[in-house]
């Protein structure tokens, strides 16, 4: 089986709160919307489809 390494989706502060599926994904690949929690490393992974997301360097998360 050949697995391609897909680069992570890079997000900026204007894209937060982040969710998957994201608006750029085709409708046929939809799944229930889940909001993503980013770790201290700025990375998050969708539990449904495995899409990886990363915050653009310098993006600051604001916590309520």
N, C-alpha and C. Protein backbone atom coordinates (compact mmCIF):
# COMPACT_ATOMS: atom_id res chain seq x y z
N UNK A 1 0.85 -1.17 0.00
CA UNK A 1 0.00 0.00 0.00
C UNK A 1 0.89 1.24 0.00
N UNK A 2 0.55 2.22 -0.81
CA UNK A 2 1.34 3.44 -0.92
C UNK A 2 0.63 4.57 -0.19
N UNK A 3 1.23 5.08 0.87
CA UNK A 3 0.65 6.17 1.64
C UNK A 3 1.41 7.45 1.32
N UNK A 4 0.70 8.46 0.85
CA UNK A 4 1.33 9.75 0.60
C UNK A 4 1.33 10.56 1.89
N UNK A 5 2.41 11.26 2.11
CA UNK A 5 2.49 12.15 3.27
C UNK A 5 1.85 13.47 2.87
N UNK A 6 0.73 13.80 3.47
CA UNK A 6 0.03 15.04 3.18
C UNK A 6 0.48 16.09 4.19
N UNK A 7 0.87 17.27 3.70
CA UNK A 7 1.30 18.30 4.65
C UNK A 7 0.15 18.76 5.54
N UNK A 8 0.50 19.20 6.73
CA UNK A 8 -0.51 19.69 7.67
C UNK A 8 -1.15 20.97 7.14
N UNK A 9 -2.41 21.16 7.48
CA UNK A 9 -3.12 22.38 7.12
C UNK A 9 -2.64 23.47 8.07
N UNK A 10 -2.09 24.55 7.51
CA UNK A 10 -1.56 25.63 8.34
C UNK A 10 -2.64 26.67 8.60
N UNK A 11 -2.83 27.03 9.85
CA UNK A 11 -3.88 27.97 10.24
C UNK A 11 -3.29 29.19 10.91
N UNK A 12 -4.02 30.31 10.79
CA UNK A 12 -3.65 31.56 11.44
C UNK A 12 -4.70 31.88 12.50
N UNK A 13 -4.46 32.93 13.27
CA UNK A 13 -5.39 33.32 14.33
C UNK A 13 -6.79 33.59 13.78
N UNK A 14 -6.89 34.13 12.56
CA UNK A 14 -8.20 34.43 11.97
C UNK A 14 -9.00 33.16 11.67
N UNK A 15 -8.34 32.00 11.62
CA UNK A 15 -9.00 30.73 11.33
C UNK A 15 -9.53 30.04 12.59
N UNK A 16 -9.29 30.63 13.75
CA UNK A 16 -9.68 30.01 15.01
C UNK A 16 -11.05 30.50 15.45
N UNK A 17 -11.86 29.71 16.10
CA UNK A 17 -11.59 28.34 16.50
C UNK A 17 -11.59 27.42 15.29
N UNK A 18 -10.66 26.51 15.28
CA UNK A 18 -10.48 25.59 14.15
C UNK A 18 -11.38 24.38 14.30
N UNK A 19 -11.86 23.92 13.16
CA UNK A 19 -12.69 22.71 13.16
C UNK A 19 -12.39 21.89 11.92
N UNK A 20 -12.77 20.64 11.97
CA UNK A 20 -12.64 19.73 10.85
C UNK A 20 -14.00 19.07 10.67
N UNK A 21 -14.50 18.89 9.47
CA UNK A 21 -13.84 19.21 8.22
C UNK A 21 -13.75 20.71 8.02
N UNK A 22 -12.68 21.12 7.31
CA UNK A 22 -12.49 22.54 7.07
C UNK A 22 -13.20 22.95 5.78
N UNK A 23 -13.44 24.22 5.57
CA UNK A 23 -14.21 24.68 4.40
C UNK A 23 -13.61 24.27 3.05
N UNK A 24 -12.33 23.98 2.99
CA UNK A 24 -11.70 23.61 1.73
C UNK A 24 -11.90 22.14 1.37
N UNK A 25 -12.40 21.34 2.28
CA UNK A 25 -12.58 19.91 2.02
C UNK A 25 -13.82 19.67 1.15
N UNK A 26 -13.73 18.70 0.24
CA UNK A 26 -14.89 18.39 -0.60
C UNK A 26 -16.02 17.78 0.22
N UNK A 27 -17.24 18.04 -0.21
CA UNK A 27 -18.42 17.56 0.52
C UNK A 27 -18.44 16.05 0.68
N UNK A 28 -17.95 15.31 -0.30
CA UNK A 28 -18.00 13.85 -0.22
C UNK A 28 -17.16 13.29 0.92
N UNK A 29 -16.20 14.06 1.40
CA UNK A 29 -15.34 13.56 2.47
C UNK A 29 -15.76 14.07 3.84
N UNK A 30 -16.98 14.56 3.95
CA UNK A 30 -17.44 15.14 5.21
C UNK A 30 -17.60 14.11 6.32
N UNK A 31 -17.53 14.60 7.52
CA UNK A 31 -17.81 13.83 8.73
C UNK A 31 -18.36 14.84 9.73
N UNK A 32 -18.86 14.41 10.87
CA UNK A 32 -19.36 15.37 11.86
C UNK A 32 -18.29 16.40 12.22
N UNK A 33 -18.71 17.65 12.40
CA UNK A 33 -17.77 18.72 12.74
C UNK A 33 -17.22 18.53 14.14
N UNK A 34 -15.92 18.61 14.25
CA UNK A 34 -15.26 18.56 15.56
C UNK A 34 -14.34 19.77 15.66
N UNK A 35 -14.34 20.38 16.83
CA UNK A 35 -13.43 21.50 17.07
C UNK A 35 -12.11 20.93 17.57
N UNK A 36 -11.03 21.55 17.15
CA UNK A 36 -9.70 21.01 17.40
C UNK A 36 -9.03 21.71 18.59
N UNK A 37 -8.37 20.92 19.40
CA UNK A 37 -7.58 21.43 20.51
C UNK A 37 -6.11 21.34 20.12
N UNK A 38 -5.44 22.47 20.15
CA UNK A 38 -4.02 22.51 19.80
C UNK A 38 -3.18 22.33 21.05
N UNK A 39 -2.15 21.51 20.93
CA UNK A 39 -1.21 21.31 22.03
C UNK A 39 -0.22 22.46 22.10
N UNK A 40 0.69 22.38 23.04
CA UNK A 40 1.72 23.41 23.21
C UNK A 40 2.63 23.48 21.98
N UNK A 41 2.65 22.41 21.21
CA UNK A 41 3.48 22.38 20.01
C UNK A 41 2.78 23.00 18.80
N UNK A 42 1.51 23.44 18.97
CA UNK A 42 0.77 24.07 17.88
C UNK A 42 0.20 23.09 16.88
N UNK A 43 0.09 21.81 17.27
CA UNK A 43 -0.41 20.78 16.38
C UNK A 43 -1.72 20.21 16.90
N UNK A 44 -2.58 19.80 15.95
CA UNK A 44 -3.83 19.12 16.28
C UNK A 44 -4.12 18.12 15.18
N UNK A 45 -4.85 17.07 15.52
CA UNK A 45 -5.19 16.03 14.55
C UNK A 45 -6.65 15.67 14.69
N UNK A 46 -7.36 15.60 13.56
CA UNK A 46 -8.77 15.26 13.58
C UNK A 46 -8.94 13.80 13.97
N UNK A 47 -9.80 13.52 14.96
CA UNK A 47 -10.01 12.13 15.36
C UNK A 47 -10.80 11.31 14.34
N UNK A 48 -11.51 11.96 13.43
CA UNK A 48 -12.29 11.24 12.42
C UNK A 48 -11.46 10.87 11.20
N UNK A 49 -10.83 11.86 10.57
CA UNK A 49 -10.18 11.61 9.28
C UNK A 49 -8.66 11.64 9.35
N UNK A 50 -8.10 12.07 10.48
CA UNK A 50 -6.66 12.08 10.63
C UNK A 50 -5.96 13.28 10.03
N UNK A 51 -6.72 14.25 9.49
CA UNK A 51 -6.09 15.45 8.95
C UNK A 51 -5.33 16.16 10.05
N UNK A 52 -4.11 16.56 9.74
CA UNK A 52 -3.28 17.25 10.72
C UNK A 52 -3.33 18.75 10.46
N UNK A 53 -3.36 19.50 11.53
CA UNK A 53 -3.42 20.95 11.48
C UNK A 53 -2.27 21.49 12.30
N UNK A 54 -1.73 22.63 11.87
CA UNK A 54 -0.68 23.28 12.64
C UNK A 54 -0.90 24.78 12.60
N UNK A 55 -0.54 25.43 13.69
CA UNK A 55 -0.65 26.88 13.77
C UNK A 55 0.56 27.49 13.08
N UNK A 56 0.32 28.55 12.31
CA UNK A 56 1.41 29.27 11.66
C UNK A 56 2.34 29.81 12.74
N UNK A 57 3.65 29.73 12.52
CA UNK A 57 4.58 30.25 13.53
C UNK A 57 4.24 31.68 13.93
N UNK A 58 4.23 31.92 15.24
CA UNK A 58 3.91 33.24 15.77
C UNK A 58 2.45 33.42 16.14
N UNK A 59 1.60 32.45 15.78
CA UNK A 59 0.17 32.55 16.13
C UNK A 59 0.01 32.34 17.61
N UNK A 60 -0.73 33.24 18.24
CA UNK A 60 -0.95 33.19 19.68
C UNK A 60 -2.38 32.74 19.94
N UNK A 61 -2.53 31.71 20.77
CA UNK A 61 -3.86 31.25 21.17
C UNK A 61 -4.32 32.08 22.35
N UNK A 62 -5.53 32.60 22.25
CA UNK A 62 -6.09 33.33 23.40
C UNK A 62 -7.02 32.39 24.14
N UNK A 63 -6.85 32.31 25.42
CA UNK A 63 -7.69 31.43 26.25
C UNK A 63 -8.66 32.28 27.03
N UNK A 64 -9.89 31.80 27.11
CA UNK A 64 -10.94 32.55 27.81
C UNK A 64 -10.95 32.19 29.28
